[in-house]
């Protein structure tokens, strides 16, 4: 048996095309990344000492060329010390807020450091699976979309969430669609991915500090006539006893954001 050199990315891709065909490869998210491509991942982190290391490892395990932007949003549970292990990596940008300012503020801070061709937000819990990134990127790289939302609902490959959780999300999404003028199935999803140009087009306008950023992002992209796309993603619901932070007050605040950014177009 003779030793053989490992196949290059282009050779592996050609082999997949030969074995599976172009249509199947497209469905599976098998494609070549552009030369020099980089994905910036903004990770807002607040008191996630028990999960943040596992999330970072899952991000590296994707094998994608990443720039990780870890935004410690005033953690006080040992998360800050745990993040020090990544501080020296040339592929990691570490940002710390002295006090907790909220997810929206963390995203705005992360955007200032983002240098990748595409930018996405990743929560620091384990509800979302970054293995979905490759398929989410596909419509943007193909030129079919500027913004891609990963939808948690309407498909079978997911953990079933509590009825109240899906009902509240459905009401907020429906009202946001009516106010903003688009048709999304999951406006509150964490996985909002867009080209860096699409993010920069709205970066200076972003105002929301907390979870209202989810509504504001959709509204500002829609106002800029961005092309939206949705892709199904996997989702593992986390319970409040496990550290889930969004609550009923954030649901009420989301309604205010729908009025502010959708109806009054602030």
Protein backbone atom coordinates (compact mmCIF):
# COMPACT_ATOMS: atom_id res chain seq x y z
CA UNK A 1 0.00 0.00 0.00
CA UNK A 2 1.47 3.35 -1.03
CA UNK A 3 1.18 6.54 0.96
CA UNK A 4 -0.80 9.31 -0.68
CA UNK A 5 -0.84 13.03 -0.04
CA UNK A 6 -4.00 14.45 1.57
CA UNK A 7 -6.46 15.87 -0.90
CA UNK A 8 -6.69 19.64 -1.26
CA UNK A 9 -10.02 21.39 -0.67
CA UNK A 10 -10.61 21.71 -4.40
CA UNK A 11 -9.83 18.01 -4.93
CA UNK A 12 -12.20 16.99 -2.14
CA UNK A 13 -14.90 19.20 -3.61
CA UNK A 14 -14.38 17.73 -7.08
CA UNK A 15 -14.63 14.23 -5.59
CA UNK A 16 -17.92 15.10 -3.87
CA UNK A 17 -19.32 16.52 -7.10
CA UNK A 18 -18.29 13.36 -8.92
CA UNK A 19 -19.85 11.04 -6.33
CA UNK A 20 -22.95 12.99 -5.34
CA UNK A 21 -23.68 15.41 -8.14
CA UNK A 22 -24.02 19.22 -8.00
CA UNK A 23 -27.63 19.27 -6.76
CA UNK A 24 -26.96 17.03 -3.74
CA UNK A 25 -23.78 18.94 -2.87
CA UNK A 26 -25.72 22.19 -2.91
CA UNK A 27 -28.39 20.75 -0.61
CA UNK A 28 -25.72 19.51 1.80
CA UNK A 29 -23.81 22.79 1.86
CA UNK A 30 -20.77 21.34 0.12
CA UNK A 31 -19.00 24.12 -1.77
CA UNK A 32 -15.65 25.87 -2.01
CA UNK A 33 -15.02 28.97 0.06
CA UNK A 34 -13.56 31.98 -1.79
CA UNK A 35 -9.81 32.49 -1.45
CA UNK A 36 -8.97 34.44 1.68
CA UNK A 37 -12.50 34.13 3.06
CA UNK A 38 -13.08 34.79 6.75
CA UNK A 39 -16.19 34.56 8.94
CA UNK A 40 -16.41 36.94 11.90
CA UNK A 41 -18.37 35.51 14.83
CA UNK A 42 -19.52 37.96 17.51
CA UNK A 43 -20.11 36.14 20.81
CA UNK A 44 -21.91 38.26 23.45
CA UNK A 45 -21.12 36.70 26.84
CA UNK A 46 -22.66 37.39 30.23
CA UNK A 47 -22.16 34.97 33.12
CA UNK A 48 -21.69 31.84 31.00
CA UNK A 49 -18.84 30.21 32.92
CA UNK A 50 -20.31 26.73 32.52
CA UNK A 51 -20.84 26.88 28.74
CA UNK A 52 -18.52 29.42 27.10
CA UNK A 53 -15.51 27.08 26.71
CA UNK A 54 -17.66 24.40 25.06
CA UNK A 55 -19.15 26.98 22.69
CA UNK A 56 -15.69 28.26 21.66
CA UNK A 57 -14.54 24.69 21.03
CA UNK A 58 -17.63 24.02 18.90
CA UNK A 59 -16.84 27.12 16.87
CA UNK A 60 -13.26 25.98 16.20
CA UNK A 61 -14.54 22.49 15.36
CA UNK A 62 -16.43 23.85 12.34
CA UNK A 63 -13.09 24.03 10.51
CA UNK A 64 -14.09 27.38 9.00
CA UNK A 65 -11.64 30.29 8.82
CA UNK A 66 -12.92 32.28 11.79
CA UNK A 67 -12.35 35.54 13.56
CA UNK A 68 -13.85 35.10 17.04
CA UNK A 69 -14.91 38.31 18.76
CA UNK A 70 -15.56 37.46 22.40
CA UNK A 71 -17.45 40.28 24.13
CA UNK A 72 -17.50 39.81 27.91
CA UNK A 73 -20.49 41.93 28.90
CA UNK A 74 -19.62 42.58 32.53
CA UNK A 75 -19.57 38.95 33.72
CA UNK A 76 -19.01 38.30 37.41
CA UNK A 77 -19.21 34.53 37.74
CA UNK A 78 -15.70 33.51 36.64
CA UNK A 79 -16.39 33.84 32.90
CA UNK A 80 -13.81 36.63 32.59
CA UNK A 81 -11.05 34.44 33.98
CA UNK A 82 -12.03 31.54 31.72
CA UNK A 83 -11.85 33.77 28.63
CA UNK A 84 -8.23 34.62 29.39
CA UNK A 85 -7.23 31.28 27.86
CA UNK A 86 -8.11 32.65 24.40
CA UNK A 87 -6.59 36.12 24.80
CA UNK A 88 -3.32 35.29 23.02
CA UNK A 89 -4.84 33.66 19.93
CA UNK A 90 -4.28 35.69 16.74
CA UNK A 91 -7.76 34.67 15.60
CA UNK A 92 -9.52 35.98 18.71
CA UNK A 93 -10.48 39.53 19.62
CA UNK A 94 -11.34 39.99 23.30
CA UNK A 95 -13.55 42.88 24.40
CA UNK A 96 -14.76 43.53 27.94
CA UNK A 97 -17.53 45.83 29.18
CA UNK A 98 -16.94 46.99 32.74
CA UNK A 99 -20.66 46.60 33.50
CA UNK A 100 -23.44 44.55 31.94
CA UNK A 101 -24.86 46.59 29.06
CA UNK A 102 -26.88 43.98 27.17
CA UNK A 103 -26.73 41.87 24.02
CA UNK A 104 -27.31 44.79 21.66
CA UNK A 105 -24.44 46.77 23.17
CA UNK A 106 -22.17 43.72 22.92
CA UNK A 107 -23.03 43.29 19.24
CA UNK A 108 -22.27 46.96 18.54
CA UNK A 109 -18.89 46.62 20.26
CA UNK A 110 -18.16 43.46 18.30
CA UNK A 111 -19.02 45.07 14.98
CA UNK A 112 -16.30 47.64 15.48
CA UNK A 113 -13.72 44.83 15.50
CA UNK A 114 -15.24 42.63 12.78
CA UNK A 115 -13.05 42.22 9.69
CA UNK A 116 -14.53 39.13 8.05
CA UNK A 117 -16.37 38.91 4.74
CA UNK A 118 -19.48 37.70 6.56
CA UNK A 119 -20.50 38.41 10.17
CA UNK A 120 -22.78 36.33 12.43
CA UNK A 121 -23.85 36.41 16.08
CA UNK A 122 -23.37 33.34 18.30
CA UNK A 123 -24.88 33.12 21.80
CA UNK A 124 -22.54 31.81 24.48
CA UNK A 125 -24.92 29.09 25.65
CA UNK A 126 -25.32 25.81 23.78
CA UNK A 127 -28.74 26.39 22.24
CA UNK A 128 -27.37 26.97 18.73
CA UNK A 129 -25.07 24.72 16.69
CA UNK A 130 -22.34 26.50 14.66
CA UNK A 131 -22.18 23.50 12.33
CA UNK A 132 -25.12 25.28 10.65
CA UNK A 133 -22.87 28.19 9.62
CA UNK A 134 -21.77 26.65 6.36
CA UNK A 135 -25.33 26.31 5.06
CA UNK A 136 -26.28 29.77 6.34
CA UNK A 137 -23.39 31.33 4.41
CA UNK A 138 -24.32 29.66 1.14
CA UNK A 139 -27.01 32.11 -0.09
CA UNK A 140 -24.75 35.08 0.66
CA UNK A 141 -21.72 33.59 -1.09
CA UNK A 142 -23.92 32.59 -4.04
CA UNK A 143 -25.13 36.18 -4.39
CA UNK A 144 -28.75 35.30 -3.58
CA UNK A 145 -29.00 37.16 -0.27
CA UNK A 146 -27.53 39.96 1.82
CA UNK A 147 -28.97 38.72 5.12
CA UNK A 148 -29.74 35.16 6.26
CA UNK A 149 -31.84 34.30 9.31
CA UNK A 150 -31.58 30.83 10.81
CA UNK A 151 -35.13 29.75 11.64
CA UNK A 152 -35.76 27.44 14.59
CA UNK A 153 -39.31 26.58 13.60
CA UNK A 154 -41.23 24.96 10.75
CA UNK A 155 -38.97 21.92 10.26
CA UNK A 156 -38.39 18.60 11.97
CA UNK A 157 -34.67 18.60 12.89
CA UNK A 158 -34.99 20.33 16.26
CA UNK A 159 -35.85 19.86 19.90
CA UNK A 160 -39.53 20.64 20.54
CA UNK A 161 -39.79 23.84 22.60
CA UNK A 162 -42.49 24.57 25.21
CA UNK A 163 -45.78 25.74 23.71
CA UNK A 164 -45.64 29.13 25.41
CA UNK A 165 -42.14 29.75 24.00
CA UNK A 166 -43.21 29.08 20.42
CA UNK A 167 -46.48 30.96 20.89
CA UNK A 168 -44.82 34.13 22.22
CA UNK A 169 -42.17 34.00 19.50
CA UNK A 170 -44.89 33.49 16.89
CA UNK A 171 -46.88 36.52 18.07
CA UNK A 172 -43.79 38.76 18.14
CA UNK A 173 -42.70 37.53 14.70
CA UNK A 174 -46.17 38.07 13.21
CA UNK A 175 -46.44 41.62 14.58
CA UNK A 176 -42.87 42.40 13.45
CA UNK A 177 -43.67 41.16 9.95
CA UNK A 178 -46.75 43.39 9.75
CA UNK A 179 -44.90 46.46 11.05
CA UNK A 180 -41.66 45.98 9.11
CA UNK A 181 -43.18 44.66 5.89
CA UNK A 182 -41.36 41.35 5.53
CA UNK A 183 -42.33 37.72 6.11
CA UNK A 184 -40.03 35.96 8.55
CA UNK A 185 -40.81 32.82 10.54
CA UNK A 186 -38.42 33.57 13.45
CA UNK A 187 -37.48 37.20 13.99
CA UNK A 188 -36.02 36.50 17.45
CA UNK A 189 -33.44 33.97 16.25
CA UNK A 190 -29.86 34.49 17.39
CA UNK A 191 -28.44 33.38 14.04
CA UNK A 192 -28.59 36.57 12.02
CA UNK A 193 -25.85 36.36 9.40
CA UNK A 194 -25.04 39.05 6.84
CA UNK A 195 -22.28 40.30 4.63
CA UNK A 196 -19.96 42.73 6.38
CA UNK A 197 -21.24 45.45 4.02
CA UNK A 198 -24.82 44.81 5.18
CA UNK A 199 -23.77 45.12 8.83
CA UNK A 200 -21.77 48.30 8.21
CA UNK A 201 -24.71 49.85 6.35
CA UNK A 202 -26.74 49.91 9.59
CA UNK A 203 -24.04 49.89 12.29
CA UNK A 204 -24.17 53.63 13.01
CA UNK A 205 -27.96 53.54 13.37
CA UNK A 206 -28.19 50.73 15.95
CA UNK A 207 -29.51 51.87 19.33
CA UNK A 208 -30.89 48.89 21.28
CA UNK A 209 -28.80 47.65 24.21
CA UNK A 210 -30.71 44.52 25.17
CA UNK A 211 -32.68 41.86 23.27
CA UNK A 212 -34.57 44.54 21.34
CA UNK A 213 -31.61 44.43 18.96
CA UNK A 214 -33.27 41.41 17.29
CA UNK A 215 -36.22 43.52 16.09
CA UNK A 216 -34.07 46.55 15.31
CA UNK A 217 -31.71 44.57 13.08
CA UNK A 218 -34.56 43.14 11.01
CA UNK A 219 -36.21 46.55 10.67
CA UNK A 220 -33.06 48.42 9.66
CA UNK A 221 -32.03 45.81 7.10
CA UNK A 222 -35.54 45.80 5.64
CA UNK A 223 -35.49 49.59 5.40
CA UNK A 224 -32.24 49.33 3.45
CA UNK A 225 -33.95 46.96 0.97
CA UNK A 226 -31.61 44.10 1.86
CA UNK A 227 -32.38 40.70 0.36
CA UNK A 228 -33.51 38.34 3.14
CA UNK A 229 -33.20 34.56 3.19
CA UNK A 230 -34.17 31.96 5.79
CA UNK A 231 -32.49 28.61 6.43
CA UNK A 232 -33.52 25.93 8.98
CA UNK A 233 -31.18 25.48 11.94
CA UNK A 234 -30.90 23.09 14.87
CA UNK A 235 -31.93 24.37 18.28
CA UNK A 236 -31.58 22.97 21.80
CA UNK A 237 -33.85 24.92 24.15
CA UNK A 238 -32.27 25.99 27.45
CA UNK A 239 -34.34 26.30 30.63
CA UNK A 240 -34.15 29.17 33.12
CA UNK A 241 -32.59 26.88 35.73
CA UNK A 242 -29.76 26.36 33.23
CA UNK A 243 -29.11 30.09 32.88
CA UNK A 244 -31.54 31.31 30.21
CA UNK A 245 -31.73 35.10 30.54
CA UNK A 246 -34.46 36.41 28.24
CA UNK A 247 -37.74 36.92 30.13
CA UNK A 248 -41.25 38.35 29.87
CA UNK A 249 -39.96 41.91 30.25
CA UNK A 250 -37.92 41.41 27.09
CA UNK A 251 -41.07 40.24 25.32
CA UNK A 252 -42.82 43.46 26.30
CA UNK A 253 -39.76 45.45 25.21
CA UNK A 254 -39.85 43.65 21.85
CA UNK A 255 -43.38 44.95 21.30
CA UNK A 256 -42.09 48.46 21.98
CA UNK A 257 -39.31 47.93 19.44
CA UNK A 258 -41.84 46.77 16.85
CA UNK A 259 -43.72 50.05 17.29
CA UNK A 260 -40.53 52.14 17.42
CA UNK A 261 -38.66 50.67 14.44
CA UNK A 262 -41.55 49.25 12.44
CA UNK A 263 -44.52 51.56 12.83
CA UNK A 264 -42.72 54.85 13.52
CA UNK A 265 -39.58 53.87 11.57
CA UNK A 266 -37.19 55.48 14.05
